[in-house]
N, C-alpha and C. Protein backbone atom coordinates (compact mmCIF):
# COMPACT_ATOMS: atom_id res chain seq x y z
N MET A 1 0.84 -1.21 0.00
CA MET A 1 0.00 0.00 0.00
C MET A 1 0.87 1.26 0.00
N GLU A 2 1.92 1.22 0.80
CA GLU A 2 2.83 2.36 0.87
C GLU A 2 3.52 2.59 -0.48
N ASN A 3 3.90 1.48 -1.13
CA ASN A 3 4.55 1.59 -2.44
C ASN A 3 3.60 2.18 -3.48
N GLN A 4 2.30 1.79 -3.39
CA GLN A 4 1.31 2.34 -4.31
C GLN A 4 1.14 3.84 -4.10
N THR A 5 1.13 4.25 -2.81
CA THR A 5 1.00 5.68 -2.49
C THR A 5 2.17 6.46 -3.05
N LEU A 6 3.38 5.93 -2.87
CA LEU A 6 4.57 6.58 -3.41
C LEU A 6 4.52 6.66 -4.92
N SER A 7 3.99 5.60 -5.54
CA SER A 7 3.89 5.59 -6.99
C SER A 7 2.95 6.67 -7.49
N VAL A 8 1.79 6.84 -6.80
CA VAL A 8 0.83 7.88 -7.18
C VAL A 8 1.46 9.26 -7.00
N GLU A 9 2.14 9.45 -5.87
CA GLU A 9 2.78 10.74 -5.62
C GLU A 9 3.85 11.03 -6.66
N SER A 10 4.58 10.01 -7.04
CA SER A 10 5.63 10.19 -8.05
C SER A 10 5.04 10.57 -9.40
N ARG A 11 3.91 9.93 -9.73
CA ARG A 11 3.26 10.25 -11.00
C ARG A 11 2.73 11.68 -11.01
N ILE A 12 2.11 12.08 -9.90
CA ILE A 12 1.59 13.44 -9.79
C ILE A 12 2.73 14.45 -9.92
N LYS A 13 3.82 14.16 -9.24
CA LYS A 13 4.98 15.07 -9.30
C LYS A 13 5.54 15.13 -10.72
N LEU A 14 5.58 13.99 -11.40
CA LEU A 14 6.08 13.95 -12.76
C LEU A 14 5.19 14.76 -13.70
N ILE A 15 3.86 14.61 -13.54
CA ILE A 15 2.92 15.37 -14.37
C ILE A 15 3.06 16.86 -14.10
N TRP A 16 3.17 17.22 -12.81
CA TRP A 16 3.30 18.63 -12.42
C TRP A 16 4.56 19.25 -13.03
N ASN A 17 5.67 18.52 -12.95
CA ASN A 17 6.93 19.03 -13.52
C ASN A 17 6.82 19.17 -15.03
N SER A 18 6.11 18.25 -15.67
CA SER A 18 5.92 18.34 -17.12
C SER A 18 5.09 19.56 -17.49
N VAL A 19 4.06 19.84 -16.69
CA VAL A 19 3.21 21.01 -16.92
C VAL A 19 4.03 22.29 -16.76
N LEU A 20 4.87 22.33 -15.71
CA LEU A 20 5.70 23.51 -15.49
C LEU A 20 6.67 23.73 -16.64
N GLU A 21 7.23 22.66 -17.16
CA GLU A 21 8.18 22.79 -18.26
C GLU A 21 7.52 23.32 -19.53
N ALA A 22 6.25 22.98 -19.70
CA ALA A 22 5.55 23.35 -20.95
C ALA A 22 4.55 24.48 -20.75
N ASP A 23 4.51 25.09 -19.57
CA ASP A 23 3.42 26.03 -19.28
C ASP A 23 3.39 27.22 -20.24
N ASN A 24 4.56 27.75 -20.63
CA ASN A 24 4.57 28.88 -21.55
C ASN A 24 3.95 28.52 -22.89
N HIS A 25 4.27 27.33 -23.38
CA HIS A 25 3.72 26.89 -24.66
C HIS A 25 2.23 26.58 -24.55
N ILE A 26 1.82 26.00 -23.42
CA ILE A 26 0.40 25.70 -23.21
C ILE A 26 -0.42 26.99 -23.17
N VAL A 27 0.05 27.95 -22.35
CA VAL A 27 -0.65 29.23 -22.25
C VAL A 27 -0.61 29.96 -23.58
N GLY A 28 0.53 29.87 -24.26
CA GLY A 28 0.65 30.52 -25.56
C GLY A 28 -0.38 30.02 -26.56
N LEU A 29 -0.64 28.72 -26.55
CA LEU A 29 -1.64 28.15 -27.45
C LEU A 29 -3.05 28.65 -27.09
N PHE A 30 -3.35 28.71 -25.79
CA PHE A 30 -4.65 29.24 -25.36
C PHE A 30 -4.81 30.69 -25.82
N ILE A 31 -3.75 31.47 -25.65
CA ILE A 31 -3.80 32.88 -26.03
C ILE A 31 -3.98 33.03 -27.54
N CYS A 32 -3.40 32.10 -28.30
CA CYS A 32 -3.60 32.11 -29.76
C CYS A 32 -5.09 32.03 -30.10
N VAL A 33 -5.82 31.19 -29.38
CA VAL A 33 -7.26 31.05 -29.62
C VAL A 33 -7.97 32.37 -29.35
N PHE A 34 -7.64 33.02 -28.21
CA PHE A 34 -8.25 34.30 -27.88
C PHE A 34 -7.87 35.37 -28.90
N ALA A 35 -6.64 35.32 -29.41
CA ALA A 35 -6.20 36.29 -30.41
C ALA A 35 -7.01 36.15 -31.69
N VAL A 36 -7.25 34.91 -32.12
CA VAL A 36 -8.06 34.68 -33.32
C VAL A 36 -9.48 35.23 -33.13
N ILE A 37 -10.03 34.99 -31.95
CA ILE A 37 -11.38 35.51 -31.65
C ILE A 37 -11.40 37.04 -31.72
N ASP A 38 -10.35 37.67 -31.16
CA ASP A 38 -10.29 39.13 -31.17
C ASP A 38 -10.10 39.69 -32.58
N TRP A 39 -9.25 39.05 -33.38
CA TRP A 39 -9.07 39.53 -34.75
C TRP A 39 -10.35 39.36 -35.57
N THR A 40 -11.09 38.30 -35.28
CA THR A 40 -12.38 38.11 -35.94
C THR A 40 -13.34 39.24 -35.56
N ALA A 41 -13.32 39.62 -34.28
CA ALA A 41 -14.17 40.72 -33.81
C ALA A 41 -13.77 42.04 -34.46
N VAL A 42 -12.45 42.24 -34.64
CA VAL A 42 -11.98 43.45 -35.32
C VAL A 42 -12.51 43.50 -36.74
N TYR A 43 -12.41 42.39 -37.44
CA TYR A 43 -12.88 42.33 -38.84
C TYR A 43 -14.40 42.54 -38.92
N ASP A 44 -15.13 41.87 -38.03
CA ASP A 44 -16.60 41.98 -38.04
C ASP A 44 -17.07 43.39 -37.67
N GLY A 45 -16.21 44.13 -36.98
CA GLY A 45 -16.60 45.47 -36.54
C GLY A 45 -16.36 46.56 -37.55
N ILE A 46 -15.74 46.23 -38.68
CA ILE A 46 -15.41 47.25 -39.68
C ILE A 46 -16.66 47.87 -40.30
N GLU A 47 -17.59 47.03 -40.75
CA GLU A 47 -18.80 47.54 -41.40
C GLU A 47 -19.67 48.37 -40.45
N PRO A 48 -19.93 47.87 -39.21
CA PRO A 48 -20.69 48.71 -38.27
C PRO A 48 -20.00 50.04 -37.99
N LEU A 49 -18.65 50.03 -37.97
CA LEU A 49 -17.91 51.28 -37.73
C LEU A 49 -18.16 52.27 -38.85
N LYS A 50 -18.19 51.79 -40.08
CA LYS A 50 -18.47 52.67 -41.23
C LYS A 50 -19.87 53.28 -41.12
N ILE A 51 -20.82 52.48 -40.66
CA ILE A 51 -22.20 52.98 -40.51
C ILE A 51 -22.26 54.10 -39.48
N TYR A 52 -21.60 53.87 -38.31
CA TYR A 52 -21.57 54.91 -37.28
C TYR A 52 -20.92 56.18 -37.79
N PHE A 53 -19.80 56.04 -38.50
CA PHE A 53 -19.10 57.21 -39.03
C PHE A 53 -19.96 57.97 -40.03
N SER A 54 -20.72 57.22 -40.85
CA SER A 54 -21.58 57.87 -41.85
C SER A 54 -22.69 58.68 -41.20
N GLN A 55 -23.02 58.33 -39.95
CA GLN A 55 -24.06 59.05 -39.22
C GLN A 55 -23.48 60.12 -38.30
N GLY A 56 -22.17 60.32 -38.39
CA GLY A 56 -21.52 61.36 -37.59
C GLY A 56 -21.25 60.97 -36.16
N ILE A 57 -21.26 59.68 -35.88
CA ILE A 57 -20.98 59.18 -34.52
C ILE A 57 -19.56 58.61 -34.51
N TYR A 58 -18.67 59.24 -33.75
CA TYR A 58 -17.25 58.88 -33.85
C TYR A 58 -16.63 58.36 -32.55
N THR A 59 -16.87 59.02 -31.45
CA THR A 59 -16.07 58.79 -30.24
C THR A 59 -16.20 57.36 -29.72
N VAL A 60 -17.40 56.97 -29.33
CA VAL A 60 -17.59 55.65 -28.74
C VAL A 60 -17.26 54.51 -29.72
N PRO A 61 -17.74 54.58 -30.98
CA PRO A 61 -17.36 53.51 -31.92
C PRO A 61 -15.85 53.41 -32.14
N SER A 62 -15.17 54.55 -32.21
CA SER A 62 -13.72 54.55 -32.41
C SER A 62 -13.00 53.91 -31.23
N LEU A 63 -13.40 54.29 -30.02
CA LEU A 63 -12.78 53.72 -28.82
C LEU A 63 -13.05 52.23 -28.72
N SER A 64 -14.27 51.82 -29.07
CA SER A 64 -14.62 50.40 -29.04
C SER A 64 -13.77 49.62 -30.04
N ALA A 65 -13.59 50.17 -31.24
CA ALA A 65 -12.78 49.52 -32.26
C ALA A 65 -11.32 49.44 -31.84
N LEU A 66 -10.80 50.52 -31.24
CA LEU A 66 -9.42 50.53 -30.75
C LEU A 66 -9.22 49.50 -29.64
N ASN A 67 -10.23 49.37 -28.80
CA ASN A 67 -10.17 48.38 -27.73
C ASN A 67 -9.99 46.97 -28.30
N LYS A 68 -10.80 46.63 -29.29
CA LYS A 68 -10.69 45.30 -29.92
C LYS A 68 -9.35 45.13 -30.62
N PHE A 69 -8.91 46.18 -31.32
CA PHE A 69 -7.66 46.10 -32.07
C PHE A 69 -6.46 45.92 -31.15
N PHE A 70 -6.37 46.73 -30.10
CA PHE A 70 -5.23 46.64 -29.19
C PHE A 70 -5.23 45.32 -28.42
N SER A 71 -6.41 44.81 -28.10
CA SER A 71 -6.50 43.51 -27.44
C SER A 71 -5.96 42.42 -28.35
N ALA A 72 -6.34 42.47 -29.63
CA ALA A 72 -5.85 41.48 -30.59
C ALA A 72 -4.34 41.58 -30.77
N VAL A 73 -3.81 42.81 -30.84
CA VAL A 73 -2.36 43.01 -30.99
C VAL A 73 -1.62 42.45 -29.78
N TYR A 74 -2.11 42.79 -28.58
CA TYR A 74 -1.45 42.30 -27.36
C TYR A 74 -1.43 40.78 -27.31
N LEU A 75 -2.57 40.16 -27.54
CA LEU A 75 -2.65 38.71 -27.47
C LEU A 75 -1.76 38.04 -28.52
N THR A 76 -1.69 38.63 -29.70
CA THR A 76 -0.83 38.08 -30.75
C THR A 76 0.63 38.14 -30.35
N LEU A 77 1.08 39.30 -29.87
CA LEU A 77 2.47 39.45 -29.44
C LEU A 77 2.79 38.52 -28.27
N ALA A 78 1.87 38.45 -27.30
CA ALA A 78 2.08 37.59 -26.14
C ALA A 78 2.20 36.13 -26.54
N ALA A 79 1.33 35.70 -27.45
CA ALA A 79 1.37 34.30 -27.91
C ALA A 79 2.68 33.99 -28.61
N ILE A 80 3.15 34.90 -29.48
CA ILE A 80 4.41 34.69 -30.20
C ILE A 80 5.57 34.57 -29.22
N ILE A 81 5.60 35.45 -28.22
CA ILE A 81 6.68 35.42 -27.23
C ILE A 81 6.64 34.12 -26.43
N LEU A 82 5.47 33.77 -25.91
CA LEU A 82 5.36 32.58 -25.07
C LEU A 82 5.72 31.30 -25.82
N LEU A 83 5.30 31.21 -27.07
CA LEU A 83 5.56 30.00 -27.84
C LEU A 83 7.04 29.88 -28.23
N SER A 84 7.79 30.98 -28.14
CA SER A 84 9.20 30.95 -28.52
C SER A 84 10.15 30.89 -27.32
N LEU A 85 9.61 30.85 -26.10
CA LEU A 85 10.47 30.91 -24.91
C LEU A 85 11.19 29.59 -24.64
N ARG A 86 12.41 29.71 -24.14
CA ARG A 86 13.18 28.57 -23.68
C ARG A 86 13.06 28.46 -22.17
N PRO A 87 13.53 27.36 -21.56
CA PRO A 87 13.41 27.20 -20.10
C PRO A 87 14.06 28.36 -19.34
N PRO A 88 13.46 28.80 -18.23
CA PRO A 88 13.99 29.94 -17.47
C PRO A 88 15.17 29.54 -16.59
N LEU A 89 15.84 30.54 -16.04
CA LEU A 89 16.92 30.28 -15.08
C LEU A 89 16.36 29.70 -13.79
N SER A 90 15.24 30.23 -13.35
CA SER A 90 14.58 29.72 -12.15
C SER A 90 13.11 30.08 -12.19
N ARG A 91 12.31 29.36 -11.39
CA ARG A 91 10.89 29.59 -11.30
C ARG A 91 10.37 28.93 -10.03
N TYR A 92 9.13 29.21 -9.67
CA TYR A 92 8.51 28.55 -8.52
C TYR A 92 8.09 27.14 -8.91
N GLN A 93 8.39 26.19 -8.05
CA GLN A 93 7.96 24.82 -8.27
C GLN A 93 6.65 24.52 -7.55
N THR A 94 6.28 25.36 -6.60
CA THR A 94 5.05 25.16 -5.84
C THR A 94 3.84 25.70 -6.61
N ALA A 95 2.66 25.27 -6.22
CA ALA A 95 1.45 25.56 -7.00
C ALA A 95 0.95 26.99 -6.81
N LEU A 96 1.01 27.53 -5.59
CA LEU A 96 0.34 28.80 -5.29
C LEU A 96 0.81 29.96 -6.16
N PRO A 97 2.11 30.25 -6.27
CA PRO A 97 2.53 31.39 -7.09
C PRO A 97 2.11 31.24 -8.55
N ASN A 98 2.19 30.04 -9.07
CA ASN A 98 1.80 29.80 -10.46
C ASN A 98 0.29 29.94 -10.64
N LEU A 99 -0.47 29.44 -9.67
CA LEU A 99 -1.94 29.54 -9.74
C LEU A 99 -2.38 30.99 -9.67
N VAL A 100 -1.79 31.77 -8.77
CA VAL A 100 -2.14 33.19 -8.65
C VAL A 100 -1.88 33.91 -9.96
N ALA A 101 -0.74 33.61 -10.60
CA ALA A 101 -0.38 34.28 -11.85
C ALA A 101 -1.35 33.92 -12.97
N VAL A 102 -1.71 32.66 -13.08
CA VAL A 102 -2.64 32.23 -14.13
C VAL A 102 -4.02 32.85 -13.91
N LEU A 103 -4.47 32.87 -12.65
CA LEU A 103 -5.76 33.51 -12.35
C LEU A 103 -5.72 35.00 -12.66
N ALA A 104 -4.59 35.65 -12.34
CA ALA A 104 -4.45 37.07 -12.63
C ALA A 104 -4.54 37.34 -14.13
N ALA A 105 -4.00 36.42 -14.92
CA ALA A 105 -4.00 36.60 -16.37
C ALA A 105 -5.36 36.37 -17.01
N PHE A 106 -6.14 35.43 -16.45
CA PHE A 106 -7.36 35.01 -17.14
C PHE A 106 -8.66 35.32 -16.39
N ALA A 107 -8.56 35.81 -15.15
CA ALA A 107 -9.78 36.11 -14.40
C ALA A 107 -10.61 37.21 -15.06
N VAL A 108 -9.95 38.05 -15.87
CA VAL A 108 -10.65 39.15 -16.53
C VAL A 108 -11.77 38.64 -17.44
N TYR A 109 -11.65 37.41 -17.93
CA TYR A 109 -12.68 36.88 -18.83
C TYR A 109 -13.97 36.55 -18.09
N ILE A 110 -13.94 36.57 -16.76
CA ILE A 110 -15.16 36.35 -15.98
C ILE A 110 -16.13 37.51 -16.17
N PHE A 111 -15.60 38.68 -16.56
CA PHE A 111 -16.47 39.85 -16.77
C PHE A 111 -17.57 39.57 -17.79
N VAL A 112 -17.34 38.61 -18.67
CA VAL A 112 -18.36 38.26 -19.68
C VAL A 112 -19.65 37.82 -19.01
N TYR A 113 -19.53 37.22 -17.82
CA TYR A 113 -20.70 36.66 -17.13
C TYR A 113 -21.26 37.59 -16.06
N VAL A 114 -20.69 38.78 -15.92
CA VAL A 114 -21.13 39.72 -14.89
C VAL A 114 -22.31 40.55 -15.41
N PRO A 115 -23.37 40.69 -14.65
CA PRO A 115 -24.55 41.44 -15.13
C PRO A 115 -24.27 42.94 -15.24
N GLN A 116 -24.93 43.56 -16.21
CA GLN A 116 -24.82 45.00 -16.41
C GLN A 116 -25.54 45.73 -15.29
N GLY A 117 -25.02 46.90 -14.91
CA GLY A 117 -25.65 47.67 -13.85
C GLY A 117 -25.64 49.15 -14.17
N ASN A 118 -25.95 49.94 -13.16
CA ASN A 118 -25.97 51.40 -13.29
C ASN A 118 -25.52 52.00 -11.97
N LEU A 119 -24.38 51.49 -11.49
CA LEU A 119 -23.91 51.84 -10.16
C LEU A 119 -23.40 53.27 -10.09
N PHE A 120 -22.52 53.65 -11.01
CA PHE A 120 -21.92 54.99 -11.00
C PHE A 120 -22.39 55.86 -12.16
N HIS A 121 -23.27 55.33 -13.01
CA HIS A 121 -23.72 56.07 -14.21
C HIS A 121 -22.51 56.53 -15.02
N THR A 122 -21.57 55.63 -15.22
CA THR A 122 -20.31 55.96 -15.88
C THR A 122 -20.51 56.27 -17.35
N ASN A 123 -19.83 57.31 -17.81
CA ASN A 123 -19.83 57.64 -19.22
C ASN A 123 -19.12 56.53 -20.00
N ILE A 124 -19.76 56.00 -21.03
CA ILE A 124 -19.20 54.88 -21.79
C ILE A 124 -17.85 55.25 -22.40
N ALA A 125 -17.74 56.48 -22.90
CA ALA A 125 -16.49 56.92 -23.53
C ALA A 125 -15.34 56.93 -22.52
N VAL A 126 -15.62 57.34 -21.30
CA VAL A 126 -14.58 57.36 -20.26
C VAL A 126 -14.12 55.94 -19.94
N ALA A 127 -15.07 55.02 -19.80
CA ALA A 127 -14.73 53.63 -19.51
C ALA A 127 -13.89 53.02 -20.63
N LEU A 128 -14.31 53.26 -21.88
CA LEU A 128 -13.57 52.72 -23.02
C LEU A 128 -12.18 53.36 -23.12
N ALA A 129 -12.08 54.65 -22.80
CA ALA A 129 -10.78 55.33 -22.84
C ALA A 129 -9.81 54.71 -21.83
N LEU A 130 -10.32 54.33 -20.67
CA LEU A 130 -9.48 53.66 -19.67
C LEU A 130 -8.99 52.30 -20.19
N ILE A 131 -9.90 51.56 -20.81
CA ILE A 131 -9.52 50.25 -21.36
C ILE A 131 -8.43 50.40 -22.42
N VAL A 132 -8.62 51.35 -23.33
CA VAL A 132 -7.65 51.57 -24.40
C VAL A 132 -6.32 52.07 -23.84
N SER A 133 -6.37 52.98 -22.87
CA SER A 133 -5.13 53.50 -22.26
C SER A 133 -4.34 52.38 -21.59
N GLY A 134 -5.05 51.54 -20.86
CA GLY A 134 -4.38 50.40 -20.22
C GLY A 134 -3.77 49.46 -21.23
N ALA A 135 -4.48 49.23 -22.35
CA ALA A 135 -3.98 48.34 -23.39
C ALA A 135 -2.70 48.90 -24.02
N ILE A 136 -2.66 50.22 -24.23
CA ILE A 136 -1.46 50.85 -24.79
C ILE A 136 -0.27 50.68 -23.84
N LEU A 137 -0.51 50.86 -22.55
CA LEU A 137 0.56 50.65 -21.56
C LEU A 137 1.08 49.22 -21.58
N VAL A 138 0.16 48.27 -21.67
CA VAL A 138 0.54 46.85 -21.65
C VAL A 138 1.33 46.49 -22.91
N ILE A 139 0.88 46.96 -24.07
CA ILE A 139 1.60 46.67 -25.31
C ILE A 139 2.99 47.30 -25.29
N GLY A 140 3.07 48.55 -24.80
CA GLY A 140 4.37 49.20 -24.68
C GLY A 140 5.31 48.43 -23.77
N ALA A 141 4.79 47.94 -22.66
CA ALA A 141 5.60 47.14 -21.74
C ALA A 141 6.06 45.84 -22.40
N LEU A 142 5.16 45.24 -23.16
CA LEU A 142 5.48 43.97 -23.81
C LEU A 142 6.61 44.13 -24.83
N VAL A 143 6.62 45.26 -25.53
CA VAL A 143 7.67 45.53 -26.52
C VAL A 143 9.04 45.60 -25.85
N PHE A 144 9.08 46.19 -24.64
CA PHE A 144 10.35 46.30 -23.93
C PHE A 144 10.73 45.00 -23.22
N LEU A 145 9.75 44.27 -22.71
CA LEU A 145 10.04 43.04 -21.98
C LEU A 145 10.46 41.91 -22.93
N ARG A 146 9.73 41.76 -24.03
CA ARG A 146 10.00 40.71 -25.02
C ARG A 146 10.22 39.35 -24.34
N GLN A 147 11.39 38.76 -24.47
CA GLN A 147 11.64 37.41 -23.97
C GLN A 147 11.66 37.33 -22.44
N ALA A 148 11.56 38.46 -21.76
CA ALA A 148 11.45 38.45 -20.30
C ALA A 148 10.00 38.31 -19.86
N PHE A 149 9.07 38.39 -20.82
CA PHE A 149 7.65 38.30 -20.49
C PHE A 149 7.23 36.84 -20.30
N THR A 150 6.53 36.57 -19.23
CA THR A 150 5.90 35.27 -18.99
C THR A 150 4.60 35.51 -18.23
N VAL A 151 3.75 34.51 -18.23
CA VAL A 151 2.51 34.60 -17.44
C VAL A 151 2.79 34.21 -15.99
N THR A 152 3.41 33.07 -15.78
CA THR A 152 3.79 32.66 -14.43
C THR A 152 5.14 33.28 -14.08
N PRO A 153 5.42 33.50 -12.78
CA PRO A 153 6.69 34.14 -12.38
C PRO A 153 7.89 33.28 -12.77
N GLN A 154 8.79 33.87 -13.56
CA GLN A 154 10.00 33.17 -14.00
C GLN A 154 11.15 34.17 -14.09
N ALA A 155 12.34 33.73 -13.71
CA ALA A 155 13.52 34.57 -13.82
C ALA A 155 14.27 34.21 -15.09
N ARG A 156 14.41 35.17 -15.99
CA ARG A 156 15.12 34.94 -17.25
C ARG A 156 16.30 35.90 -17.36
N PHE A 157 16.03 37.18 -17.45
CA PHE A 157 17.06 38.20 -17.41
C PHE A 157 16.40 39.49 -16.96
N LEU A 158 17.22 40.45 -16.56
CA LEU A 158 16.67 41.70 -16.06
C LEU A 158 16.50 42.70 -17.19
N VAL A 159 15.35 43.34 -17.22
CA VAL A 159 15.12 44.46 -18.13
C VAL A 159 15.30 45.72 -17.29
N THR A 160 16.33 46.49 -17.60
CA THR A 160 16.69 47.63 -16.74
C THR A 160 16.46 48.96 -17.43
N ALA A 161 15.89 48.97 -18.62
CA ALA A 161 15.64 50.22 -19.33
C ALA A 161 14.29 50.15 -20.02
N GLY A 162 13.70 51.35 -20.19
CA GLY A 162 12.43 51.40 -20.91
C GLY A 162 11.23 51.33 -19.98
N PRO A 163 10.08 51.82 -20.46
CA PRO A 163 8.86 51.76 -19.64
C PRO A 163 8.23 50.38 -19.73
N TYR A 164 7.93 49.78 -18.61
CA TYR A 164 7.26 48.49 -18.66
C TYR A 164 6.23 48.36 -17.52
N PRO A 165 5.23 49.26 -17.49
CA PRO A 165 4.19 49.21 -16.44
C PRO A 165 3.12 48.17 -16.76
N MET A 166 3.53 46.92 -16.92
CA MET A 166 2.61 45.87 -17.35
C MET A 166 1.41 45.75 -16.40
N TYR A 167 1.67 45.66 -15.10
CA TYR A 167 0.58 45.42 -14.16
C TYR A 167 -0.30 46.65 -13.99
N VAL A 168 0.31 47.84 -14.05
CA VAL A 168 -0.48 49.07 -13.98
C VAL A 168 -1.44 49.15 -15.16
N GLY A 169 -0.92 48.84 -16.35
CA GLY A 169 -1.77 48.85 -17.53
C GLY A 169 -2.91 47.87 -17.43
N ASN A 170 -2.63 46.67 -16.91
CA ASN A 170 -3.69 45.67 -16.73
C ASN A 170 -4.78 46.19 -15.79
N ILE A 171 -4.35 46.79 -14.67
CA ILE A 171 -5.32 47.27 -13.68
C ILE A 171 -6.17 48.41 -14.25
N VAL A 172 -5.53 49.32 -15.02
CA VAL A 172 -6.27 50.42 -15.63
C VAL A 172 -7.33 49.87 -16.61
N SER A 173 -6.95 48.89 -17.42
CA SER A 173 -7.91 48.31 -18.36
C SER A 173 -9.05 47.60 -17.64
N ILE A 174 -8.72 46.88 -16.57
CA ILE A 174 -9.75 46.16 -15.82
C ILE A 174 -10.70 47.14 -15.15
N LEU A 175 -10.16 48.26 -14.66
CA LEU A 175 -11.03 49.29 -14.07
C LEU A 175 -11.99 49.82 -15.12
N GLY A 176 -11.48 50.09 -16.32
CA GLY A 176 -12.34 50.57 -17.39
C GLY A 176 -13.43 49.57 -17.73
N LEU A 177 -13.07 48.29 -17.74
CA LEU A 177 -14.05 47.25 -18.04
C LEU A 177 -15.12 47.17 -16.95
N ALA A 178 -14.69 47.29 -15.69
CA ALA A 178 -15.64 47.26 -14.58
C ALA A 178 -16.60 48.45 -14.64
N LEU A 179 -16.06 49.63 -14.98
CA LEU A 179 -16.91 50.82 -15.09
C LEU A 179 -17.84 50.74 -16.30
N LEU A 180 -17.39 50.05 -17.34
CA LEU A 180 -18.24 49.88 -18.52
C LEU A 180 -19.47 49.02 -18.18
N ILE A 181 -19.25 47.99 -17.37
CA ILE A 181 -20.37 47.14 -16.93
C ILE A 181 -21.17 47.84 -15.84
N ASP A 182 -20.44 48.54 -14.95
CA ASP A 182 -21.04 49.47 -13.98
C ASP A 182 -22.01 48.81 -12.99
N SER A 183 -21.64 47.64 -12.51
CA SER A 183 -22.45 46.98 -11.49
C SER A 183 -21.59 46.69 -10.26
N LEU A 184 -22.23 46.40 -9.15
CA LEU A 184 -21.50 46.08 -7.93
C LEU A 184 -20.64 44.83 -8.14
N GLN A 185 -21.20 43.84 -8.81
CA GLN A 185 -20.46 42.61 -9.07
C GLN A 185 -19.19 42.90 -9.88
N ALA A 186 -19.31 43.81 -10.84
CA ALA A 186 -18.16 44.17 -11.68
C ALA A 186 -17.07 44.84 -10.85
N MET A 187 -17.46 45.71 -9.92
CA MET A 187 -16.48 46.39 -9.09
C MET A 187 -15.80 45.41 -8.12
N LEU A 188 -16.57 44.46 -7.60
CA LEU A 188 -15.97 43.44 -6.73
C LEU A 188 -14.99 42.58 -7.51
N LEU A 189 -15.35 42.26 -8.75
CA LEU A 189 -14.44 41.47 -9.59
C LEU A 189 -13.19 42.28 -9.93
N PHE A 190 -13.34 43.59 -10.10
CA PHE A 190 -12.19 44.46 -10.33
C PHE A 190 -11.22 44.40 -9.15
N LEU A 191 -11.76 44.45 -7.93
CA LEU A 191 -10.91 44.37 -6.73
C LEU A 191 -10.20 43.03 -6.66
N LEU A 192 -10.92 41.96 -7.00
CA LEU A 192 -10.30 40.63 -7.00
C LEU A 192 -9.18 40.56 -8.03
N CYS A 193 -9.45 41.03 -9.24
CA CYS A 193 -8.44 40.98 -10.30
C CYS A 193 -7.23 41.84 -9.95
N SER A 194 -7.46 43.00 -9.36
CA SER A 194 -6.35 43.87 -8.96
C SER A 194 -5.51 43.22 -7.88
N GLY A 195 -6.17 42.55 -6.93
CA GLY A 195 -5.43 41.83 -5.90
C GLY A 195 -4.58 40.71 -6.48
N LEU A 196 -5.12 40.01 -7.45
CA LEU A 196 -4.35 38.94 -8.12
C LEU A 196 -3.16 39.52 -8.87
N GLN A 197 -3.35 40.66 -9.52
CA GLN A 197 -2.24 41.31 -10.22
C GLN A 197 -1.14 41.71 -9.24
N ALA A 198 -1.54 42.25 -8.10
CA ALA A 198 -0.56 42.64 -7.08
C ALA A 198 0.18 41.43 -6.54
N GLY A 199 -0.56 40.34 -6.29
CA GLY A 199 0.08 39.12 -5.82
C GLY A 199 1.04 38.55 -6.84
N ARG A 200 0.65 38.57 -8.09
CA ARG A 200 1.51 38.10 -9.17
C ARG A 200 2.80 38.91 -9.24
N ALA A 201 2.69 40.23 -9.10
CA ALA A 201 3.86 41.11 -9.15
C ALA A 201 4.80 40.84 -7.96
N LEU A 202 4.24 40.63 -6.78
CA LEU A 202 5.06 40.37 -5.60
C LEU A 202 5.82 39.06 -5.72
N TYR A 203 5.15 38.02 -6.17
CA TYR A 203 5.84 36.74 -6.37
C TYR A 203 6.97 36.88 -7.39
N GLU A 204 6.70 37.62 -8.45
CA GLU A 204 7.72 37.82 -9.48
C GLU A 204 8.91 38.60 -8.93
N GLU A 205 8.62 39.64 -8.14
CA GLU A 205 9.69 40.46 -7.56
C GLU A 205 10.59 39.63 -6.63
N ARG A 206 9.99 38.78 -5.81
CA ARG A 206 10.78 37.95 -4.91
C ARG A 206 11.67 36.98 -5.68
N LEU A 207 11.13 36.42 -6.74
CA LEU A 207 11.90 35.46 -7.53
C LEU A 207 13.08 36.16 -8.22
N LEU A 208 12.84 37.33 -8.79
CA LEU A 208 13.89 38.06 -9.46
C LEU A 208 14.95 38.53 -8.46
N ALA A 209 14.52 38.96 -7.28
CA ALA A 209 15.48 39.40 -6.26
C ALA A 209 16.36 38.24 -5.80
N ALA A 210 15.81 37.05 -5.74
CA ALA A 210 16.59 35.89 -5.34
C ALA A 210 17.57 35.46 -6.44
N GLN A 211 17.16 35.60 -7.70
CA GLN A 211 18.01 35.17 -8.81
C GLN A 211 19.06 36.24 -9.16
N PHE A 212 18.67 37.50 -9.03
CA PHE A 212 19.58 38.61 -9.38
C PHE A 212 19.74 39.56 -8.18
N PRO A 213 20.45 39.13 -7.15
CA PRO A 213 20.54 39.95 -5.92
C PRO A 213 21.24 41.27 -6.15
C-alpha cells in the first residue's frame, strides 16, 4: 500500500513538472485562440464602424474599435513570445505562485458573465478610454520586456531600461471594463483581479530578487 501511495505521488509530481516545463507553450496556445477571436471581432466590426461614421458618430465607436484592435495586438504578441520561450533560469515549483499568476492573467474573462448595472452612471467613452489606455501601456511594456515576459513568475534576465508598467496597464484596463459594466459585481471582480495582479507582481519580484541579488 505504501509503495502504491509513493507511486501515485511520483506520477503526480512527474505530471506537475511536465506542466511547469511546458506552461509557456500551453498558455501561448490558449492565447492564440483568444487572439483569433479578437481579430475576428476586429474584422466583423469594420462595417458597423463605417455605418456609425456615416451618421456622424465617432467617439464611442472609435474607442470600441481601438479596444478590440489593441487587445488582438497584445494577445498576438504575447502568444508569439510565449511560444518561442526557452526554459527559465529559475521559477517557482510550488502551486500557489503559479496559480495566482494564471488567475491574474485570465480572471478578466469572468467579466463576460457579470450582469450589467448602473452603479456609478459611468460615461461609456470614459470607460472605453481607460480600457484603451491600459492596453497601450501593456503593449508598450510587452515591446520592452519581449523574452522576459511570462505569465507565471519566472527569472530569465533583467530588463533595466524602458517603460514596462505591465501590471499598472492591466489594472487600468480592468477598471475601465468594470466601469463599462457598472455593477457592484463588476467592481468586486475588479478588486479581485487587482489583488491577483498585485500578488503576481510580488511573487515575481521575490523570484527576481533571489536570482539577481
